[in-house]
C-alpha atoms as a PDB file:
ATOM      1  CA  MET A   1     -30.818  40.684  99.831  1.00  0.00           C
ATOM      2  CA  ALA A   2     -28.216  42.780  97.830  1.00  0.00           C
ATOM      3  CA  ILE A   3     -24.678  43.407  98.710  1.00  0.00           C
ATOM      4  CA  LEU A   4     -24.160  47.318  98.440  1.00  0.00           C
ATOM      5  CA  VAL A   5     -20.876  48.331  96.786  1.00  0.00           C
ATOM      6  CA  THR A   6     -19.700  51.885  97.275  1.00  0.00           C
ATOM      7  CA  GLY A   7     -17.765  52.960  94.511  1.00  0.00           C
ATOM      8  CA  SER A   8     -19.577  51.633  91.876  1.00  0.00           C
ATOM      9  CA  SER A   9     -18.944  53.512  88.933  1.00  0.00           C
ATOM     10  CA  GLY A  10     -14.938  53.351  89.567  1.00  0.00           C
ATOM     11  CA  ARG A  11     -12.119  51.061  88.275  1.00  0.00           C
ATOM     12  CA  VAL A  12     -12.316  49.109  91.098  1.00  0.00           C
ATOM     13  CA  GLY A  13     -15.812  49.627  92.501  1.00  0.00           C
ATOM     14  CA  SER A  14     -17.232  48.766  88.668  1.00  0.00           C
ATOM     15  CA  SER A  15     -15.175  45.413  88.082  1.00  0.00           C
ATOM     16  CA  VAL A  16     -16.063  43.913  91.201  1.00  0.00           C
ATOM     17  CA  VAL A  17     -19.608  44.707  90.439  1.00  0.00           C
ATOM     18  CA  LYS A  18     -18.851  42.848  87.317  1.00  0.00           C
ATOM     19  CA  ALA A  19     -17.968  40.020  89.014  1.00  0.00           C
ATOM     20  CA  LEU A  20     -20.575  39.922  91.380  1.00  0.00           C
ATOM     21  CA  LEU A  21     -23.314  39.829  88.858  1.00  0.00           C
ATOM     22  CA  ALA A  22     -21.451  37.466  87.311  1.00  0.00           C
ATOM     23  CA  ARG A  23     -22.393  35.185  89.962  1.00  0.00           C
ATOM     24  CA  GLY A  24     -25.992  35.902  89.231  1.00  0.00           C
ATOM     25  CA  LYS A  25     -25.612  38.291  92.706  1.00  0.00           C
ATOM     26  CA  ILE A  26     -28.240  40.727  93.153  1.00  0.00           C
ATOM     27  CA  VAL A  27     -26.145  44.083  93.605  1.00  0.00           C
ATOM     28  CA  HIS A  28     -26.674  48.015  94.424  1.00  0.00           C
ATOM     29  CA  GLY A  29     -24.022  50.371  93.623  1.00  0.00           C
ATOM     30  CA  PHE A  30     -23.507  53.369  95.153  1.00  0.00           C
ATOM     31  CA  ASP A  31     -21.609  56.742  93.841  1.00  0.00           C
ATOM     32  CA  ALA A  32     -21.741  60.224  93.186  1.00  0.00           C
ATOM     33  CA  ARG A  33     -21.561  59.396  89.287  1.00  0.00           C
ATOM     34  CA  ALA A  34     -24.181  56.491  88.055  1.00  0.00           C
ATOM     35  CA  SER A  35     -22.745  53.656  86.415  1.00  0.00           C
ATOM     36  CA  ARG A  36     -25.857  52.241  84.811  1.00  0.00           C
ATOM     37  CA  HIS A  37     -24.188  48.371  84.714  1.00  0.00           C
ATOM     38  CA  ALA A  38     -26.988  46.628  81.792  1.00  0.00           C
ATOM     39  CA  SER A  39     -28.123  43.882  84.427  1.00  0.00           C
ATOM     40  CA  ALA A  40     -32.085  42.706  85.810  1.00  0.00           C
ATOM     41  CA  ASN A  41     -30.439  41.785  88.626  1.00  0.00           C
ATOM     42  CA  TYR A  42     -28.966  45.752  88.937  1.00  0.00           C
ATOM     43  CA  SER A  43     -29.822  48.643  90.689  1.00  0.00           C
ATOM     44  CA  GLU A  44     -28.046  52.099  92.251  1.00  0.00           C
ATOM     45  CA  THR A  45     -28.190  55.540  94.469  1.00  0.00           C
ATOM     46  CA  VAL A  46     -26.508  58.205  92.894  1.00  0.00           C
ATOM     47  CA  GLY A  47     -25.421  60.566  95.467  1.00  0.00           C
ATOM     48  CA  SER A  48     -22.958  61.371  98.280  1.00  0.00           C
ATOM     49  CA  PHE A  49     -21.708  59.457 100.973  1.00  0.00           C
ATOM     50  CA  ASP A  50     -21.679  62.261 103.153  1.00  0.00           C
ATOM     51  CA  ASP A  51     -26.159  62.544 102.796  1.00  0.00           C
ATOM     52  CA  PRO A  52     -27.811  60.822 105.912  1.00  0.00           C
ATOM     53  CA  GLN A  53     -30.961  60.429 103.090  1.00  0.00           C
ATOM     54  CA  ARG A  54     -28.621  58.372  99.940  1.00  0.00           C
ATOM     55  CA  CYS A  55     -26.954  56.109 102.383  1.00  0.00           C
ATOM     56  CA  ALA A  56     -30.304  55.435 104.257  1.00  0.00           C
ATOM     57  CA  ALA A  57     -31.527  54.339 100.422  1.00  0.00           C
ATOM     58  CA  ALA A  58     -28.259  52.681  99.692  1.00  0.00           C
ATOM     59  CA  VAL A  59     -28.324  50.045 102.454  1.00  0.00           C
ATOM     60  CA  ASP A  60     -31.641  49.269 102.166  1.00  0.00           C
ATOM     61  CA  GLY A  61     -31.731  45.601 101.920  1.00  0.00           C
ATOM     62  CA  ALA A  62     -28.415  45.109 101.773  1.00  0.00           C
ATOM     63  CA  SER A  63     -26.886  41.938 103.342  1.00  0.00           C
ATOM     64  CA  ALA A  64     -23.348  43.087 103.103  1.00  0.00           C
ATOM     65  CA  ILE A  65     -21.786  46.084 102.321  1.00  0.00           C
ATOM     66  CA  LEU A  66     -18.207  47.091 100.281  1.00  0.00           C
ATOM     67  CA  HIS A  67     -17.262  50.172 100.886  1.00  0.00           C
ATOM     68  CA  LEU A  68     -14.551  50.389  97.641  1.00  0.00           C
ATOM     69  CA  GLY A  69     -15.792  54.445  97.218  1.00  0.00           C
ATOM     70  CA  ALA A  70     -13.542  57.064  97.741  1.00  0.00           C
ATOM     71  CA  PHE A  71     -12.578  60.905  97.392  1.00  0.00           C
ATOM     72  CA  MET A  72      -8.782  61.043  96.587  1.00  0.00           C
ATOM     73  CA  SER A  73      -6.624  64.478  95.808  1.00  0.00           C
ATOM     74  CA  TRP A  74      -3.476  65.417  96.771  1.00  0.00           C
ATOM     75  CA  LYS A  75      -4.466  69.243  96.475  1.00  0.00           C
ATOM     76  CA  PRO A  76      -4.613  71.637  99.487  1.00  0.00           C
ATOM     77  CA  GLU A  77      -8.016  73.403  97.973  1.00  0.00           C
ATOM     78  CA  ASP A  78      -9.846  69.635  97.971  1.00  0.00           C
ATOM     79  CA  ARG A  79      -9.312  69.102 102.019  1.00  0.00           C
ATOM     80  CA  ASP A  80     -13.073  69.745 103.121  1.00  0.00           C
ATOM     81  CA  LEU A  81     -14.201  67.418 100.365  1.00  0.00           C
ATOM     82  CA  LEU A  82     -11.522  64.292 101.050  1.00  0.00           C
ATOM     83  CA  PHE A  83     -12.856  64.471 104.875  1.00  0.00           C
ATOM     84  CA  ALA A  84     -16.151  64.779 103.685  1.00  0.00           C
ATOM     85  CA  ALA A  85     -16.251  62.014 101.712  1.00  0.00           C
ATOM     86  CA  ASN A  86     -13.845  59.650 103.229  1.00  0.00           C
ATOM     87  CA  VAL A  87     -14.578  60.092 107.331  1.00  0.00           C
ATOM     88  CA  GLU A  88     -17.660  61.723 107.371  1.00  0.00           C
ATOM     89  CA  GLY A  89     -19.509  60.001 104.681  1.00  0.00           C
ATOM     90  CA  THR A  90     -17.556  57.032 106.237  1.00  0.00           C
ATOM     91  CA  ARG A  91     -19.779  57.805 109.606  1.00  0.00           C
ATOM     92  CA  ARG A  92     -23.083  58.039 107.793  1.00  0.00           C
ATOM     93  CA  LEU A  93     -22.621  54.794 105.575  1.00  0.00           C
ATOM     94  CA  LEU A  94     -21.802  52.576 108.931  1.00  0.00           C
ATOM     95  CA  GLU A  95     -24.278  53.937 110.982  1.00  0.00           C
ATOM     96  CA  ALA A  96     -26.985  53.591 108.408  1.00  0.00           C
ATOM     97  CA  ALA A  97     -25.477  49.797 108.033  1.00  0.00           C
ATOM     98  CA  SER A  98     -25.656  49.053 111.601  1.00  0.00           C
ATOM     99  CA  GLU A  99     -29.213  50.216 111.662  1.00  0.00           C
ATOM    100  CA  ALA A 100     -30.572  48.181 108.520  1.00  0.00           C
ATOM    101  CA  GLY A 101     -28.781  44.794 109.722  1.00  0.00           C
ATOM    102  CA  VAL A 102     -26.300  44.500 107.851  1.00  0.00           C
ATOM    103  CA  GLN A 103     -23.885  41.528 108.556  1.00  0.00           C
ATOM    104  CA  ARG A 104     -20.488  42.350 106.949  1.00  0.00           C
ATOM    105  CA  PHE A 105     -19.043  45.636 105.792  1.00  0.00           C
ATOM    106  CA  VAL A 106     -15.724  45.081 103.964  1.00  0.00           C
ATOM    107  CA  PHE A 107     -13.553  48.689 104.169  1.00  0.00           C
ATOM    108  CA  ALA A 108     -11.343  50.074 101.285  1.00  0.00           C
ATOM    109  CA  SER A 109      -8.245  51.308 102.951  1.00  0.00           C
ATOM    110  CA  SER A 110      -4.927  52.020 101.625  1.00  0.00           C
ATOM    111  CA  GLY A 111      -1.418  51.796 102.298  1.00  0.00           C
ATOM    112  CA  GLU A 112      -1.104  55.680 103.210  1.00  0.00           C
ATOM    113  CA  VAL A 113      -2.274  54.967 106.332  1.00  0.00           C
ATOM    114  CA  TYR A 114       1.551  53.813 106.627  1.00  0.00           C
ATOM    115  CA  PRO A 115       4.180  55.831 106.412  1.00  0.00           C
ATOM    116  CA  GLU A 116       5.446  54.673 102.819  1.00  0.00           C
ATOM    117  CA  ASN A 117       8.161  57.022 102.031  1.00  0.00           C
ATOM    118  CA  LEU A 118      10.118  56.284 105.421  1.00  0.00           C
ATOM    119  CA  PRO A 119       8.880  53.247 106.581  1.00  0.00           C
ATOM    120  CA  ALA A 120      10.265  51.646 109.975  1.00  0.00           C
ATOM    121  CA  PHE A 121      10.830  48.506 108.719  1.00  0.00           C
ATOM    122  CA  LEU A 122      10.579  46.508 105.666  1.00  0.00           C
ATOM    123  CA  PRO A 123       8.112  44.725 104.359  1.00  0.00           C
ATOM    124  CA  VAL A 124       5.616  46.638 105.680  1.00  0.00           C
ATOM    125  CA  THR A 125       3.326  44.287 107.389  1.00  0.00           C
ATOM    126  CA  GLU A 126      -0.225  44.929 109.028  1.00  0.00           C
ATOM    127  CA  SER A 127       1.704  45.826 112.798  1.00  0.00           C
ATOM    128  CA  HIS A 128       3.365  48.664 111.301  1.00  0.00           C
ATOM    129  CA  PRO A 129       2.660  51.746 112.661  1.00  0.00           C
ATOM    130  CA  LEU A 130       0.349  53.377 111.555  1.00  0.00           C
ATOM    131  CA  ASN A 131       1.537  57.326 110.712  1.00  0.00           C
ATOM    132  CA  PRO A 132      -0.042  58.327 107.675  1.00  0.00           C
ATOM    133  CA  THR A 133       2.148  61.620 106.142  1.00  0.00           C
ATOM    134  CA  SER A 134      -0.817  62.923 103.348  1.00  0.00           C
ATOM    135  CA  PRO A 135      -4.297  63.559 104.136  1.00  0.00           C
ATOM    136  CA  TYR A 136      -5.786  61.560 102.234  1.00  0.00           C
ATOM    137  CA  GLY A 137      -4.124  59.066 104.138  1.00  0.00           C
ATOM    138  CA  LEU A 138      -5.330  60.322 107.304  1.00  0.00           C
ATOM    139  CA  THR A 139      -8.522  59.980 105.871  1.00  0.00           C
ATOM    140  CA  LYS A 140      -8.760  56.680 105.907  1.00  0.00           C
ATOM    141  CA  LEU A 141      -6.860  55.504 108.794  1.00  0.00           C
ATOM    142  CA  LEU A 142      -9.902  57.466 110.548  1.00  0.00           C
ATOM    143  CA  GLY A 143     -11.857  55.764 108.503  1.00  0.00           C
ATOM    144  CA  GLU A 144     -10.528  52.473 109.821  1.00  0.00           C
ATOM    145  CA  GLU A 145     -10.717  53.991 113.567  1.00  0.00           C
ATOM    146  CA  LEU A 146     -14.954  53.811 112.902  1.00  0.00           C
ATOM    147  CA  VAL A 147     -14.944  50.664 111.166  1.00  0.00           C
ATOM    148  CA  GLN A 148     -12.850  49.432 114.033  1.00  0.00           C
ATOM    149  CA  PHE A 149     -15.219  50.724 116.643  1.00  0.00           C
ATOM    150  CA  HIS A 150     -18.782  49.418 115.147  1.00  0.00           C
ATOM    151  CA  GLY A 151     -16.950  46.072 114.943  1.00  0.00           C
ATOM    152  CA  ARG A 152     -16.585  46.437 118.840  1.00  0.00           C
ATOM    153  CA  THR A 153     -19.862  47.774 119.492  1.00  0.00           C
ATOM    154  CA  GLY A 154     -21.801  45.879 117.612  1.00  0.00           C
ATOM    155  CA  LYS A 155     -22.784  42.877 115.893  1.00  0.00           C
ATOM    156  CA  MET A 156     -21.443  43.857 112.322  1.00  0.00           C
ATOM    157  CA  GLU A 157     -18.760  42.132 111.193  1.00  0.00           C
ATOM    158  CA  ILE A 158     -15.867  44.176 109.550  1.00  0.00           C
ATOM    159  CA  VAL A 159     -13.242  43.825 107.809  1.00  0.00           C
ATOM    160  CA  ILE A 160     -10.496  46.305 106.382  1.00  0.00           C
ATOM    161  CA  LEU A 161      -8.147  45.519 103.340  1.00  0.00           C
ATOM    162  CA  ARG A 162      -5.337  47.840 103.028  1.00  0.00           C
ATOM    163  CA  PHE A 163      -5.015  48.641  98.799  1.00  0.00           C
ATOM    164  CA  SER A 164      -1.967  48.549  97.254  1.00  0.00           C
ATOM    165  CA  HIS A 165      -1.562  51.050  94.828  1.00  0.00           C
ATOM    166  CA  THR A 166      -4.397  49.730  91.849  1.00  0.00           C
ATOM    167  CA  GLN A 167      -4.383  50.034  87.944  1.00  0.00           C
ATOM    168  CA  ASP A 168      -5.910  48.650  84.843  1.00  0.00           C
ATOM    169  CA  ALA A 169      -2.986  47.185  83.126  1.00  0.00           C
ATOM    170  CA  LYS A 170      -4.029  49.004  80.117  1.00  0.00           C
ATOM    171  CA  GLU A 171      -3.233  52.485  81.762  1.00  0.00           C
ATOM    172  CA  LEU A 172       0.222  51.278  82.405  1.00  0.00           C
ATOM    173  CA  LEU A 173       1.369  53.240  78.812  1.00  0.00           C
ATOM    174  CA  ASP A 174      -1.354  55.593  78.305  1.00  0.00           C
ATOM    175  CA  PRO A 175       0.144  59.411  78.969  1.00  0.00           C
ATOM    176  CA  ASP A 176      -3.272  60.571  80.051  1.00  0.00           C
ATOM    177  CA  SER A 177      -4.227  57.710  83.293  1.00  0.00           C
ATOM    178  CA  PHE A 178      -4.927  60.041  86.164  1.00  0.00           C
ATOM    179  CA  PHE A 179      -2.252  57.559  88.027  1.00  0.00           C
ATOM    180  CA  SER A 180       0.438  56.339  84.915  1.00  0.00           C
ATOM    181  CA  GLY A 181       0.899  59.686  83.118  1.00  0.00           C
ATOM    182  CA  PRO A 182       2.336  61.491  85.494  1.00  0.00           C
ATOM    183  CA  ARG A 183       4.289  58.703  86.738  1.00  0.00           C
ATOM    184  CA  PHE A 184       5.834  57.447  83.528  1.00  0.00           C
ATOM    185  CA  PHE A 185       5.620  60.310  81.453  1.00  0.00           C
ATOM    186  CA  LEU A 186       7.335  63.343  81.584  1.00  0.00           C
ATOM    187  CA  ARG A 187       5.382  65.883  80.569  1.00  0.00           C
ATOM    188  CA  PRO A 188       2.307  64.576  81.999  1.00  0.00           C
ATOM    189  CA  ARG A 189       4.435  64.579  85.599  1.00  0.00           C
ATOM    190  CA  ILE A 190       5.591  68.011  84.282  1.00  0.00           C
ATOM    191  CA  ARG A 191       1.552  69.069  84.117  1.00  0.00           C
ATOM    192  CA  GLN A 192       0.749  67.575  87.230  1.00  0.00           C
ATOM    193  CA  GLN A 193       3.357  69.162  89.502  1.00  0.00           C
ATOM    194  CA  GLU A 194       2.246  72.369  88.231  1.00  0.00           C
ATOM    195  CA  ALA A 195      -1.410  71.497  89.248  1.00  0.00           C
ATOM    196  CA  LEU A 196      -0.339  70.808  92.908  1.00  0.00           C
ATOM    197  CA  GLY A 197       1.375  73.734  93.193  1.00  0.00           C
ATOM    198  CA  ASN A 198       4.819  72.468  93.331  1.00  0.00           C
ATOM    199  CA  HIS A 199       6.510  74.427  90.841  1.00  0.00           C
ATOM    200  CA  ALA A 200      10.014  73.925  91.993  1.00  0.00           C
ATOM    201  CA  VAL A 201       9.863  69.971  90.987  1.00  0.00           C
ATOM    202  CA  ALA A 202       8.041  71.083  87.769  1.00  0.00           C
ATOM    203  CA  ALA A 203      10.505  73.257  87.154  1.00  0.00           C
ATOM    204  CA  VAL A 204      13.093  70.297  87.776  1.00  0.00           C
ATOM    205  CA  LEU A 205      11.183  68.089  85.215  1.00  0.00           C
ATOM    206  CA  ARG A 206      10.669  70.722  82.712  1.00  0.00           C
ATOM    207  CA  ALA A 207      14.361  71.501  82.443  1.00  0.00           C
ATOM    208  CA  ALA A 208      15.155  67.489  81.752  1.00  0.00           C
ATOM    209  CA  ASP A 209      12.581  67.784  79.064  1.00  0.00           C
ATOM    210  CA  PRO A 210      14.500  66.724  75.669  1.00  0.00           C
ATOM    211  CA  GLY A 211      12.244  68.470  73.242  1.00  0.00           C
ATOM    212  CA  GLN A 212      10.116  65.248  72.508  1.00  0.00           C
ATOM    213  CA  GLU A 213       7.875  63.494  74.238  1.00  0.00           C
ATOM    214  CA  ALA A 214       9.673  60.940  77.057  1.00  0.00           C
ATOM    215  CA  HIS A 215       9.392  58.670  79.719  1.00  0.00           C
ATOM    216  CA  VAL A 216      10.718  59.276  82.961  1.00  0.00           C
ATOM    217  CA  LEU A 217      12.472  57.686  85.495  1.00  0.00           C
ATOM    218  CA  VAL A 218      12.058  59.893  88.835  1.00  0.00           C
ATOM    219  CA  ARG A 219      14.826  58.945  91.723  1.00  0.00           C
ATOM    220  CA  ASN A 220      15.150  60.702  95.044  1.00  0.00           C
ATOM    221  CA  GLU A 221      17.544  62.939  96.276  1.00  0.00           C
ATOM    222  CA  ASN A 222      20.239  59.886  96.694  1.00  0.00           C
ATOM    223  CA  SER A 223      19.934  59.236  93.179  1.00  0.00           C
ATOM    224  CA  ARG A 224      18.459  56.072  94.020  1.00  0.00           C
ATOM    225  CA  PRO A 225      14.694  54.953  91.577  1.00  0.00           C
ATOM    226  CA  TYR A 226      11.498  54.798  93.048  1.00  0.00           C
ATOM    227  CA  ARG A 227      10.161  51.149  93.846  1.00  0.00           C
ATOM    228  CA  MET A 228       6.458  50.429  94.969  1.00  0.00           C
ATOM    229  CA  HIS A 229       3.735  47.958  94.163  1.00  0.00           C
ATOM    230  CA  ILE A 230       1.438  48.132  91.366  1.00  0.00           C
ATOM    231  CA  THR A 231      -1.293  45.801  91.515  1.00  0.00           C
ATOM    232  CA  ASP A 232      -3.883  44.981  88.561  1.00  0.00           C
ATOM    233  CA  THR A 233      -7.382  45.545  88.935  1.00  0.00           C
ATOM    234  CA  ARG A 234      -8.610  42.053  88.636  1.00  0.00           C
ATOM    235  CA  ASP A 235      -5.952  41.090  91.324  1.00  0.00           C
ATOM    236  CA  MET A 236      -8.074  43.258  93.399  1.00  0.00           C
ATOM    237  CA  VAL A 237     -11.372  41.772  92.617  1.00  0.00           C
ATOM    238  CA  GLN A 238      -9.796  38.353  93.759  1.00  0.00           C
ATOM    239  CA  GLY A 239      -9.076  39.716  96.985  1.00  0.00           C
ATOM    240  CA  ILE A 240     -12.240  41.650  97.976  1.00  0.00           C
ATOM    241  CA  LEU A 241     -14.499  38.291  96.906  1.00  0.00           C
ATOM    242  CA  LEU A 242     -12.401  36.451  99.131  1.00  0.00           C
ATOM    243  CA  ALA A 243     -12.834  39.126 102.165  1.00  0.00           C
ATOM    244  CA  LEU A 244     -16.959  39.352 101.434  1.00  0.00           C
ATOM    245  CA  GLU A 245     -17.030  35.169 101.587  1.00  0.00           C
ATOM    246  CA  LYS A 246     -14.264  34.264 103.793  1.00  0.00           C
ATOM    247  CA  PRO A 247     -15.778  33.172 107.132  1.00  0.00           C
ATOM    248  CA  GLU A 248     -11.737  33.897 108.418  1.00  0.00           C
ATOM    249  CA  ALA A 249     -11.746  37.322 107.244  1.00  0.00           C
ATOM    250  CA  ALA A 250     -14.403  38.688 109.910  1.00  0.00           C
ATOM    251  CA  GLY A 251     -12.659  41.459 112.277  1.00  0.00           C
ATOM    252  CA  GLU A 252      -9.333  40.770 110.631  1.00  0.00           C
ATOM    253  CA  VAL A 253      -6.869  43.748 109.034  1.00  0.00           C
ATOM    254  CA  PHE A 254      -5.585  42.688 105.346  1.00  0.00           C
ATOM    255  CA  ASN A 255      -2.865  44.252 103.576  1.00  0.00           C
ATOM    256  CA  LEU A 256      -4.305  43.481  99.634  1.00  0.00           C
ATOM    257  CA  GLY A 257      -1.747  44.314  96.708  1.00  0.00           C
ATOM    258  CA  ALA A 258       0.831  42.228  94.414  1.00  0.00           C
ATOM    259  CA  THR A 259       3.322  40.042  96.052  1.00  0.00           C
ATOM    260  CA  GLU A 260       6.655  41.658  94.555  1.00  0.00           C
ATOM    261  CA  PRO A 261       7.532  45.669  94.326  1.00  0.00           C
ATOM    262  CA  VAL A 262       8.110  47.095  90.822  1.00  0.00           C
ATOM    263  CA  ASP A 263      11.570  48.112  90.717  1.00  0.00           C
ATOM    264  CA  PHE A 264      10.871  51.291  87.984  1.00  0.00           C
ATOM    265  CA  VAL A 265      14.446  50.780  86.396  1.00  0.00           C
ATOM    266  CA  GLU A 266      13.452  47.349  85.033  1.00  0.00           C
ATOM    267  CA  LEU A 267       9.843  49.165  84.831  1.00  0.00           C
ATOM    268  CA  LEU A 268      10.958  52.014  82.354  1.00  0.00           C
ATOM    269  CA  ARG A 269      13.448  50.295  80.285  1.00  0.00           C
ATOM    270  CA  ASP A 270      10.542  47.779  79.131  1.00  0.00           C
ATOM    271  CA  MET A 271       8.341  50.111  78.961  1.00  0.00           C
ATOM    272  CA  ALA A 272      10.551  52.038  76.445  1.00  0.00           C
ATOM    273  CA  GLU A 273      11.271  49.098  74.485  1.00  0.00           C
ATOM    274  CA  VAL A 274       7.543  48.805  73.767  1.00  0.00           C
ATOM    275  CA  THR A 275       7.176  52.950  72.873  1.00  0.00           C
ATOM    276  CA  GLY A 276      10.368  53.497  71.644  1.00  0.00           C
ATOM    277  CA  LEU A 277      10.783  56.644  73.613  1.00  0.00           C
ATOM    278  CA  PRO A 278      14.095  58.357  75.360  1.00  0.00           C
ATOM    279  CA  VAL A 279      13.645  57.753  79.104  1.00  0.00           C
ATOM    280  CA  VAL A 280      15.195  60.623  81.129  1.00  0.00           C
ATOM    281  CA  SER A 281      16.412  59.848  84.547  1.00  0.00           C
ATOM    282  CA  VAL A 282      15.626  63.103  87.133  1.00  0.00           C
ATOM    283  CA  ASP A 283      16.313  63.235  91.116  1.00  0.00           C
ATOM    284  CA  LEU A 284      14.142  65.153  93.386  1.00  0.00           C
ATOM    285  CA  PRO A 285      13.830  66.775  96.804  1.00  0.00           C
ATOM    286  CA  GLY A 286      12.860  63.996  99.442  1.00  0.00           C
ATOM    287  CA  ALA A 287      13.231  60.152 100.186  1.00  0.00           C
ATOM    288  CA  GLY A 288      10.742  59.317  97.569  1.00  0.00           C
ATOM    289  CA  VAL A 289       8.518  56.356  97.081  1.00  0.00           C
ATOM    290  CA  CYS A 290      10.692  52.823  97.990  1.00  0.00           C
ATOM    291  CA  TYR A 291       8.946  50.722  99.649  1.00  0.00           C
ATOM    292  CA  GLU A 292       7.733  46.829  99.611  1.00  0.00           C
ATOM    293  CA  THR A 293       4.851  45.598 101.658  1.00  0.00           C
ATOM    294  CA  SER A 294       3.739  41.841 102.620  1.00  0.00           C
ATOM    295  CA  ASN A 295       0.423  40.352 101.573  1.00  0.00           C
ATOM    296  CA  GLU A 296       1.459  37.634 103.206  1.00  0.00           C
ATOM    297  CA  LYS A 297      -1.566  37.314 105.722  1.00  0.00           C
ATOM    298  CA  ILE A 298      -4.361  37.408 102.928  1.00  0.00           C
ATOM    299  CA  ARG A 299      -2.253  34.803 101.336  1.00  0.00           C
ATOM    300  CA  HIS A 300      -2.109  32.633 104.182  1.00  0.00           C
ATOM    301  CA  VAL A 301      -5.810  33.440 105.574  1.00  0.00           C
ATOM    302  CA  LEU A 302      -7.480  33.665 102.864  1.00  0.00           C
ATOM    303  CA  GLY A 303      -5.827  32.276  99.817  1.00  0.00           C
ATOM    304  CA  PHE A 304      -5.495  35.086  98.200  1.00  0.00           C
ATOM    305  CA  GLU A 305      -3.337  34.591  95.147  1.00  0.00           C
ATOM    306  CA  PRO A 306      -2.271  37.365  92.827  1.00  0.00           C
ATOM    307  CA  GLU A 307      -2.002  36.193  88.761  1.00  0.00           C
ATOM    308  CA  TRP A 308      -1.093  39.558  87.324  1.00  0.00           C
ATOM    309  CA  THR A 309       2.450  40.279  87.821  1.00  0.00           C
ATOM    310  CA  ILE A 310       4.227  43.685  86.519  1.00  0.00           C
ATOM    311  CA  LYS A 311       5.234  41.612  83.201  1.00  0.00           C
ATOM    312  CA  ARG A 312       1.744  40.369  82.422  1.00  0.00           C
ATOM    313  CA  MET A 313       0.562  43.562  82.861  1.00  0.00           C
ATOM    314  CA  LEU A 314       2.980  45.266  80.179  1.00  0.00           C
ATOM    315  CA  ASN A 315       1.754  42.805  77.808  1.00  0.00           C
ATOM    316  CA  ASP A 316      -1.584  43.613  78.176  1.00  0.00           C
ATOM    317  CA  ALA A 317      -0.422  47.631  77.868  1.00  0.00           C
ATOM    318  CA  ALA A 318       1.471  46.970  74.946  1.00  0.00           C
ATOM    319  CA  MET A 319      -1.392  45.750  73.294  1.00  0.00           C
ATOM    320  CA  ALA A 320      -3.084  49.017  73.899  1.00  0.00           C
ATOM    321  CA  TRP A 321      -0.281  51.153  72.896  1.00  0.00           C
ATOM    322  CA  ARG A 322      -0.439  49.236  69.870  1.00  0.00           C
ATOM    323  CA  GLU A 323      -4.001  49.873  69.597  1.00  0.00           C
ATOM    324  CA  ARG A 324      -3.764  53.188  69.731  1.00  0.00           C
ATOM    325  CA  ALA A 325      -1.028  53.945  67.191  1.00  0.00           C
ATOM    326  CA  ALA A 326      -2.560  52.118  64.210  1.00  0.00           C
END
């Protein structure tokens, strides 16, 4: 019997596939893009999650499913795609899995099911109210409801993992990275905000441009620097495999991510030491990002032990930066 991994060509999914193959498992991938992992134990279905025929083909012969694939966008014009993939796609995959007799279904949800910018209490535990403030967070919450429904009404074991923000370490100092570029570099952030239609924010950022490439330390309207969890992909893989294998995981919801949040003041200072670029501080409207999420439950119940601190990640990023500069 195979383990089905959706999102098999993505950052986390491809790493999970490699880890499973290294353990000698038979793995089937399912994604909109081909990944072609080079192994006799790997096969894949290419297509959309909301395509019932593709779903049926993907789950055929699977004993467990790691539903890690999702569509991520914060652009208004992408709303239909967002709900089609993350809600309708999850519904169709669950129904196909139930019909096929899949034993365990692990669902990658998101910390965005919480109101991370306006938490009711800190640290955010699994009992925190679920009040997403982004359409993406809403689609993941609706996905959770679908998963819970199948857990209540069927025989399939379900596990929900609320993912922390995840990065490959080498991305941290990559201006072209989808996440880290706009988060830590000024000009990529300007381009991101313009693409999202946030022209007023882009203008504030542009006014701070020192005339050369620079890092950006974003603060909220009260000059409070951002603070959030950044988790290495390798630690996420560890947590996902525990959710797949541990009997204690069945029926549970876990926050999955780094133990300590990242202080952006310290991180940007350390980044600048590596790159030699100036750090520009910019105050933006709104409450900003400042939260701490507890991973105590998954550490206690499943034995999750994250190993890749932000300092270790930055060491890897620094090596990648120097290789690109050479």
